[in-house]
Protein backbone atom coordinates (compact mmCIF):
# COMPACT_ATOMS: atom_id res chain seq x y z
CA MET A 1 63.36 85.33 -12.49
CA SER A 2 63.79 81.67 -12.65
CA LYS A 3 64.04 78.73 -15.78
CA LYS A 4 60.05 77.97 -14.09
CA ASP A 5 58.53 80.10 -15.61
CA LEU A 6 61.37 81.60 -18.22
CA PHE A 7 58.31 79.78 -21.09
CA LEU A 8 55.54 81.26 -19.20
CA ARG A 9 56.60 84.90 -18.83
CA ALA A 10 57.88 84.98 -22.80
CA CYS A 11 54.16 83.58 -23.05
CA ARG A 12 52.55 86.67 -21.61
CA LYS A 13 55.01 89.22 -23.24
CA GLU A 14 57.20 89.95 -19.96
CA LYS A 15 60.42 90.42 -20.01
CA VAL A 16 62.65 87.73 -19.84
CA GLU A 17 66.94 87.21 -19.34
CA ARG A 18 67.18 84.98 -22.29
CA ILE A 19 64.72 83.81 -25.25
CA PRO A 20 62.91 80.21 -24.43
CA VAL A 21 63.45 77.46 -26.31
CA TRP A 22 61.17 73.78 -27.09
CA TYR A 23 60.45 71.89 -30.00
CA MET A 24 57.96 71.03 -31.97
CA ARG A 25 57.67 66.61 -31.32
CA GLN A 26 60.65 67.13 -29.22
CA ALA A 27 59.78 63.97 -27.76
CA GLY A 28 60.00 61.62 -30.48
CA ARG A 29 62.17 59.47 -33.80
CA TYR A 30 65.02 62.15 -34.30
CA ASP A 31 66.08 60.79 -30.00
CA PRO A 32 67.97 56.74 -30.10
CA ASP A 33 66.54 56.12 -26.66
CA TYR A 34 63.04 57.31 -27.83
CA ARG A 35 63.75 54.79 -31.19
CA LYS A 36 64.44 51.60 -28.54
CA ILE A 37 60.82 52.13 -26.60
CA LYS A 38 59.01 51.79 -30.01
CA GLU A 39 60.91 48.68 -30.66
CA LYS A 40 58.80 47.58 -27.42
CA TYR A 41 55.55 49.49 -27.75
CA SER A 42 53.22 51.30 -30.15
CA LEU A 43 52.59 55.27 -30.17
CA LEU A 44 49.18 54.69 -28.39
CA GLU A 45 50.78 51.79 -26.26
CA ILE A 46 52.76 54.36 -24.66
CA CYS A 47 49.98 57.24 -23.57
CA GLN A 48 48.62 54.02 -21.93
CA GLN A 49 51.29 53.84 -19.87
CA PRO A 50 51.08 56.64 -17.91
CA GLU A 51 54.71 56.55 -16.37
CA LEU A 52 56.31 55.71 -19.45
CA ALA A 53 54.63 58.28 -20.98
CA ALA A 54 56.04 60.82 -18.67
CA GLU A 55 59.34 59.26 -19.20
CA VAL A 56 59.59 59.97 -22.68
CA THR A 57 57.57 63.80 -22.09
CA MET A 58 60.89 64.84 -19.82
CA MET A 59 63.04 62.54 -22.54
CA PRO A 60 63.82 65.95 -23.93
CA VAL A 61 63.82 67.82 -21.14
CA LYS A 62 66.88 66.28 -19.30
CA LYS A 63 68.79 65.80 -23.08
CA LEU A 64 68.58 69.37 -24.25
CA GLY A 65 67.79 71.61 -21.96
CA VAL A 66 64.72 73.22 -23.28
CA ASP A 67 62.59 75.72 -21.58
CA ALA A 68 58.78 73.59 -21.56
CA ALA A 69 58.10 69.58 -22.19
CA ILE A 70 55.32 68.99 -23.88
CA LEU A 71 53.43 66.37 -23.43
CA TYR A 72 53.56 62.73 -25.05
CA SER A 73 50.57 62.14 -26.91
CA ASP A 74 48.23 62.24 -30.19
CA ILE A 75 45.90 64.80 -31.36
CA MET A 76 43.71 61.46 -32.00
CA ASN A 77 43.85 59.67 -28.79
CA PRO A 78 40.19 62.15 -27.78
CA VAL A 79 38.31 60.71 -31.20
CA ALA A 80 38.27 57.38 -29.70
CA SER A 81 36.51 58.27 -26.57
CA ILE A 82 33.61 59.81 -28.99
CA GLY A 83 33.35 56.79 -30.67
CA VAL A 84 35.89 56.68 -33.80
CA ASP A 85 37.92 53.50 -34.07
CA PHE A 86 41.44 54.44 -35.24
CA ASP A 87 45.07 53.04 -36.06
CA ILE A 88 47.92 54.99 -36.29
CA VAL A 89 50.02 52.72 -39.41
CA ALA A 90 54.13 53.37 -39.57
CA GLN A 91 54.98 55.73 -42.34
CA VAL A 92 51.72 55.95 -42.70
CA GLY A 93 49.40 58.08 -39.81
CA PRO A 94 45.67 58.00 -38.46
CA VAL A 95 44.29 55.77 -40.24
CA ILE A 96 39.68 55.84 -39.89
CA HIS A 97 38.26 52.43 -39.90
CA ASP A 98 35.13 53.97 -41.03
CA PRO A 99 35.71 57.63 -42.67
CA ILE A 100 33.02 59.77 -41.46
CA ARG A 101 31.21 60.30 -44.94
CA THR A 102 27.01 60.90 -43.93
CA ARG A 103 25.48 62.46 -41.56
CA ALA A 104 23.81 59.69 -39.53
CA GLN A 105 28.26 59.17 -38.30
CA ILE A 106 27.98 62.74 -37.34
CA GLU A 107 25.04 62.71 -35.15
CA GLN A 108 26.80 58.89 -34.03
CA LEU A 109 29.94 61.00 -31.95
CA LYS A 110 29.81 61.02 -28.33
CA PRO A 111 30.75 63.48 -25.82
CA VAL A 112 34.00 62.87 -24.86
CA ASP A 113 34.78 61.94 -21.65
CA PRO A 114 37.96 62.69 -20.36
CA GLN A 115 38.24 61.44 -16.97
CA GLY A 116 36.61 57.80 -18.56
CA ASP A 117 37.90 57.14 -21.73
CA LEU A 118 41.60 59.06 -21.67
CA GLY A 119 42.42 59.05 -17.37
CA HIS A 120 45.84 57.44 -18.10
CA ILE A 121 46.78 60.94 -20.51
CA LEU A 122 44.99 62.50 -17.49
CA GLU A 123 47.32 60.03 -15.29
CA THR A 124 50.37 61.31 -17.63
CA ILE A 125 49.88 65.61 -16.86
CA ARG A 126 49.65 64.69 -13.13
CA ILE A 127 53.23 63.05 -12.71
CA LEU A 128 54.85 65.16 -15.10
CA ASP A 129 53.41 67.98 -12.88
CA ARG A 130 54.77 66.70 -9.99
CA GLU A 131 58.39 65.63 -11.55
CA LEU A 132 59.05 68.11 -13.98
CA ASP A 133 60.90 71.46 -13.06
CA VAL A 134 59.88 73.51 -16.46
CA PRO A 135 56.21 74.21 -17.67
CA LEU A 136 54.11 71.09 -19.15
CA ILE A 137 52.58 72.43 -22.35
CA THR A 138 49.63 70.12 -22.71
CA PHE A 139 47.66 70.02 -26.52
CA ALA A 140 44.99 68.90 -28.59
CA GLY A 141 44.09 69.00 -32.76
CA ALA A 142 41.65 71.22 -33.97
CA PRO A 143 38.97 70.76 -35.24
CA PHE A 144 39.76 71.00 -38.67
CA THR A 145 42.81 69.61 -38.43
CA ILE A 146 41.01 66.46 -37.09
CA ALA A 147 37.87 66.06 -39.89
CA SER A 148 40.34 65.70 -42.43
CA TYR A 149 41.53 62.56 -40.57
CA LEU A 150 37.51 61.68 -40.01
CA ILE A 151 36.63 62.14 -43.27
CA GLU A 152 39.29 61.28 -45.62
CA GLY A 153 40.20 58.70 -43.87
CA ARG A 154 44.15 58.56 -43.85
CA PRO A 155 46.70 61.52 -44.23
CA SER A 156 45.86 63.36 -47.63
CA LYS A 157 46.92 65.99 -49.39
CA SER A 158 44.32 67.52 -51.56
CA TYR A 159 41.58 67.20 -48.42
CA ILE A 160 38.94 66.86 -51.37
CA ARG A 161 36.94 64.32 -49.37
CA THR A 162 37.08 67.15 -46.50
CA LYS A 163 36.57 70.50 -48.74
CA THR A 164 33.40 68.64 -51.18
CA MET A 165 31.94 68.36 -47.38
CA MET A 166 32.34 71.68 -46.50
CA TYR A 167 31.15 72.83 -50.25
CA GLU A 168 28.27 70.31 -50.42
CA GLU A 169 26.86 69.42 -46.70
CA PRO A 170 27.39 72.59 -44.67
CA GLU A 171 25.30 71.78 -42.48
CA MET A 172 26.73 68.98 -42.07
CA TRP A 173 30.20 70.32 -41.86
CA PHE A 174 28.91 72.99 -39.15
CA MET A 175 27.56 70.15 -36.76
CA LEU A 176 30.26 68.18 -36.94
CA MET A 177 33.19 71.45 -36.65
CA ASP A 178 30.33 71.92 -32.78
CA LYS A 179 31.15 68.12 -31.73
CA LEU A 180 34.62 68.75 -32.36
CA GLY A 181 34.91 71.82 -30.89
CA ASP A 182 32.64 70.33 -27.80
CA MET A 183 35.46 67.27 -27.67
CA VAL A 184 38.76 69.75 -27.85
CA SER A 185 37.15 72.60 -25.15
CA HIS A 186 36.53 69.54 -22.43
CA TYR A 187 40.32 67.85 -23.22
CA LEU A 188 41.80 70.88 -22.91
CA ARG A 189 40.30 71.67 -19.71
CA ALA A 190 40.79 68.78 -18.42
CA GLN A 191 44.46 68.87 -19.51
CA ILE A 192 44.84 72.37 -17.76
CA GLN A 193 42.59 71.00 -14.35
CA ASN A 194 45.02 67.75 -14.39
CA GLY A 195 48.59 69.74 -14.12
CA GLY A 196 48.93 71.58 -17.88
CA LYS A 197 50.45 74.60 -17.29
CA ALA A 198 50.15 76.31 -21.01
CA PHE A 199 48.09 74.48 -24.10
CA GLN A 200 48.39 74.88 -27.40
CA LEU A 201 46.43 73.71 -30.38
CA PHE A 202 47.51 72.27 -33.09
CA ASP A 203 45.80 73.34 -37.29
CA SER A 204 48.71 71.58 -38.77
CA TRP A 205 46.01 71.50 -42.23
CA VAL A 206 43.88 73.94 -41.85
CA GLY A 207 46.40 76.17 -44.41
CA SER A 208 45.03 74.17 -46.99
CA LEU A 209 42.39 76.91 -46.86
CA SER A 210 42.11 79.50 -48.48
CA PRO A 211 41.31 83.21 -46.13
CA ARG A 212 38.45 83.21 -46.86
CA ASP A 213 37.08 79.62 -46.45
CA PHE A 214 39.15 79.15 -43.38
CA ARG A 215 36.66 83.01 -41.72
CA THR A 216 34.07 80.43 -43.45
CA TYR A 217 34.14 77.16 -42.38
CA VAL A 218 37.36 77.03 -39.44
CA LEU A 219 37.46 80.61 -37.34
CA PRO A 220 33.97 80.03 -35.56
CA THR A 221 34.86 76.70 -33.92
CA ILE A 222 38.34 78.05 -32.96
CA GLU A 223 36.35 81.36 -31.44
CA ARG A 224 34.09 79.04 -29.43
CA ILE A 225 36.51 76.35 -28.24
CA PHE A 226 39.33 79.34 -27.09
CA THR A 227 36.84 82.02 -25.66
CA SER A 228 35.51 78.58 -23.83
CA LEU A 229 38.64 78.47 -22.19
CA SER A 230 39.08 81.67 -21.46
CA ASP A 231 39.03 81.47 -17.95
CA LEU A 232 41.77 79.50 -17.43
CA ASP A 233 44.69 81.28 -16.63
CA VAL A 234 47.49 79.49 -18.67
CA PRO A 235 48.45 80.54 -21.89
CA LYS A 236 46.84 79.39 -24.62
CA ILE A 237 49.10 78.51 -28.08
CA TYR A 238 47.32 78.52 -31.69
CA PHE A 239 50.03 76.87 -33.99
CA PRO A 240 47.58 77.23 -37.62
CA GLY A 241 50.19 74.67 -39.16
CA VAL A 242 52.38 74.88 -42.22
CA SER A 243 51.32 77.26 -45.31
CA SER A 244 49.46 79.36 -43.15
CA GLY A 245 50.36 82.38 -43.37
CA GLU A 246 48.01 84.48 -45.38
CA LEU A 247 45.35 83.28 -42.75
CA LEU A 248 47.53 85.21 -39.78
CA PRO A 249 45.24 88.77 -40.29
CA SER A 250 42.71 86.34 -39.98
CA LEU A 251 44.02 85.70 -35.84
CA ARG A 252 43.45 89.15 -34.19
CA GLU A 253 40.09 88.51 -32.78
CA LEU A 254 41.08 85.16 -30.61
CA GLN A 255 41.36 84.94 -27.34
CA VAL A 256 45.00 83.07 -27.40
CA ASP A 257 48.27 84.52 -26.15
CA VAL A 258 50.64 83.28 -28.62
CA ILE A 259 50.57 82.30 -32.50
CA GLY A 260 52.55 79.77 -33.70
CA LEU A 261 54.19 80.43 -37.35
CA ASP A 262 55.61 78.37 -39.67
CA TRP A 263 58.55 79.18 -42.25
CA ARG A 264 57.34 80.33 -44.89
CA VAL A 265 56.49 83.91 -43.34
CA SER A 266 59.10 85.86 -41.19
CA ILE A 267 59.03 86.34 -37.11
CA GLU A 268 58.79 90.22 -38.61
CA GLU A 269 55.95 90.38 -40.83
CA GLY A 270 53.91 87.73 -39.04
CA ARG A 271 54.06 89.79 -35.68
CA ARG A 272 53.10 92.74 -38.53
CA ARG A 273 50.14 90.40 -39.92
CA VAL A 274 48.92 89.18 -36.63
CA GLY A 275 49.23 92.59 -34.29
CA GLU A 276 50.84 93.54 -31.08
CA ARG A 277 48.59 91.73 -29.11
CA PHE A 278 50.37 88.92 -28.88
CA ALA A 279 53.72 86.99 -28.38
CA VAL A 280 55.33 85.18 -30.88
CA GLN A 281 56.78 81.35 -31.01
CA GLY A 282 58.80 80.17 -33.96
CA ASN A 283 59.71 78.95 -36.90
CA LEU A 284 63.04 77.73 -38.22
CA ASP A 285 62.71 75.36 -40.68
CA PRO A 286 63.30 72.03 -39.56
CA TYR A 287 64.83 70.68 -41.97
CA VAL A 288 67.06 73.42 -41.97
CA LEU A 289 68.94 70.91 -38.69
CA THR A 290 70.54 68.85 -42.16
CA GLY A 291 73.26 71.37 -42.42
CA PRO A 292 76.33 72.12 -40.62
CA MET A 293 76.12 73.53 -37.75
CA SER A 294 77.37 77.42 -39.16
CA ILE A 295 74.54 77.91 -41.07
CA ILE A 296 71.99 76.16 -38.13
CA GLU A 297 72.92 79.27 -36.36
CA ARG A 298 73.66 81.20 -38.99
CA GLU A 299 69.94 80.89 -39.20
CA ALA A 300 68.57 80.58 -35.64
CA LYS A 301 70.58 83.78 -35.58
CA HIS A 302 68.88 85.91 -37.69
CA ILE A 303 65.21 84.47 -36.38
CA LEU A 304 66.25 85.34 -32.86
CA ASP A 305 67.34 88.88 -33.75
CA LEU A 306 63.56 89.49 -34.98
CA GLY A 307 61.96 87.94 -31.88
CA MET A 308 63.56 90.04 -29.47
CA GLN A 309 62.81 93.48 -31.13
CA GLN A 310 59.68 93.10 -29.02
CA HIS A 311 58.88 91.49 -25.52
CA GLY A 312 56.77 87.70 -25.95
CA TYR A 313 59.33 86.15 -28.24
CA ILE A 314 59.38 81.85 -28.03
CA PHE A 315 62.18 80.37 -30.43
CA ASN A 316 61.06 76.74 -32.07
CA LEU A 317 60.60 75.17 -35.33
CA GLY A 318 57.90 76.17 -37.57
CA HIS A 319 56.83 72.60 -38.01
CA GLY A 320 57.30 69.44 -35.95
CA LEU A 321 61.14 67.49 -35.88
CA PHE A 322 61.19 64.87 -38.39
CA PRO A 323 63.02 61.17 -37.77
CA GLU A 324 67.01 62.19 -39.26
CA ALA A 325 67.15 65.13 -36.35
CA SER A 326 69.78 65.15 -35.05
CA LEU A 327 70.19 65.04 -30.93
CA ASP A 328 73.95 66.12 -30.58
CA LYS A 329 72.79 69.21 -33.78
CA LEU A 330 68.85 69.89 -31.38
CA LYS A 331 71.66 70.42 -27.87
CA GLN A 332 74.25 72.74 -29.48
CA LEU A 333 70.80 74.70 -31.08
CA THR A 334 69.59 74.76 -27.52
CA GLU A 335 73.01 76.04 -25.61
CA PHE A 336 73.40 78.52 -29.19
CA VAL A 337 69.67 80.37 -28.60
CA HIS A 338 70.70 80.34 -24.50
CA ALA A 339 73.42 81.62 -24.67
CA TYR A 340 73.29 84.41 -28.01
CA SER A 341 70.27 85.66 -26.50
CA GLU A 342 70.86 86.11 -23.53
CA GLN A 343 74.40 88.14 -24.39
CA ALA A 344 72.12 90.05 -26.45
CA LEU A 345 69.68 90.78 -23.57
CA ALA A 346 72.13 91.60 -21.66
CA GLN A 347 73.40 94.21 -24.12
CA ASP A 348 70.71 95.92 -25.39
CA LYS A 349 69.62 96.40 -20.85
CA GLU A 350 72.82 97.59 -20.97
CA ALA A 351 72.93 99.78 -24.04
CA LYS A 352 68.94 101.18 -22.83
CA GLY A 353 70.72 101.89 -19.33
């Protein structure tokens, strides 16, 4: 039993002495030291420098005491390898210079080349594999979420062009899903082969779909991705993003170990919807962190009490950290999760004899 494998054991629904914790976007703009780095380099420029990207990845491990690191990268990085030109624009997000609107554009997308085009990311992973004392989570963006950027041209609230392609041009849609599914599978495999100890597939915006549309237009590709990676002996996490509670019953057959939950569904209800096979991860509303520590600890305790009812629980947020979050509060929250869960689990073990 060691700190090094606490997160991995929880993913596999094994007994743990305390609940592991990490935070989505834990390497980011809430950290003053990171903000200083961003004054000199853009996100993509940091990703191009393996030593710097590794340093940023390790910052929250050292400062917060979290039980896993998540690779500092961006879900759009592999998109450049398949032939899509984009920028990450401040206060906007990914902006595509030539949004995908035609069959010809989809046909022109190339197979991803992780070694050739994304070697800097793989080198970052190798550095972290040598230097971290906690597991490294690598990740990719899921096909629907990536497609929404490629088709809309930038972040969207309505996804009107994305859904229009789904409904009006289903053959084009599935061609794009197949190409993005292949991209994700090859990219994730390369990450694990170079030292990743777990991976998460982020589907941040798929909650915009109805359960029926999700099952029709997206789930087959998600299933294919995880089936293609089933030989990799690492925990696999699927996070269906925000407002995805109604999609959870559709995930019961996925070949994954962990389902991430947003804050709109309780841990208890999330487990009921996905079934007993999975560990679950989540799901504090990130904006609870704007409150005083008494409120933060009250909400964390409620989530932990639900999570600890069964083996297989990882404490996290229901979405990523925001720039205004407090580094000090995050450190205190991490310490609280560890201390409270360790005491509660020890008492439960003693009560059961």
